[in-house]
Amino acid sequence: GIAMKRLVVSWLILLNLLAAGCLSSDGNIYSGEDISGNKGFSQFELIDSENNSFNSSTIQGQVVIVNFFLTNCNNACPLITNDLKIIEQSFFPAHNENLTILSITVDPWRDGPEDLVDYMNYFNVSWTHLTTAEFIDGDFSKMEQIWADFGITVVLTESENSTSIEGRGHTVYYDVEHTNGIVIIGKDGLQKVRWTEDNWDLTGVKSDLALILQE
């Protein structure tokens, strides 16, 4: 009888710990920065590196790694792209059916489909890279809506640097300051966790992804 009682008590302690973990003030479930408040995202339509239309309805019900990058990025983007490649090698083909990686540019002014192709070839990756069709008046509001939905800040700063590239719909040379990183969306379509260059850790990203795939 005593052993049984002990077992029950230890289970109760364990349950209390689990409950405390779930209800703790920071409520941290993931290794990255948890995104609370049942935050989804608006449906969007962009174009991929082949100039084909891509509609976000095709990723419904899947776990999605949404990566924000630009092809003219020489700090964190290459690191994150290379790590996503490692993640792809670890999680596919086992999760072909329920996991998608999307890279969305934060520089639609410069990144046309052909730039995406060059970038993908350079890093030897094949997952979907997205930009928006060029508008004559340089209206990239569709893109801005997506960034806003995912909490991505993008700031254009005029550049004195003549090696900067002139944009599609921008006449000045400029640099882009932006949030680097990824947001992982669960099968329920809600944003779960954010990883940026500030807290980037491949092991942590992998463990979060494994957890979200089980949910």
Foldseek 3Di string as FASTA:
>chain_A
DVVVVVVVVVVVVVVVVVVCCCPPPCNDPAPFRWDDDQAFADWAWFAWLVRDIDTCVVLALAKEKEFEEALPDDDCPVVQVLLVVVLCVVCPPVCVPHYAYEYEYPALQADDSPSNVVSCVVSVHDGTYTHHDADQQRDPVSSVRRCVSVVKDKDKDFDPDPVADATNNHRTRTDIDMWGWIWIAANNRGTTHTDTPVRDDSVRVSVRVVVRVVD
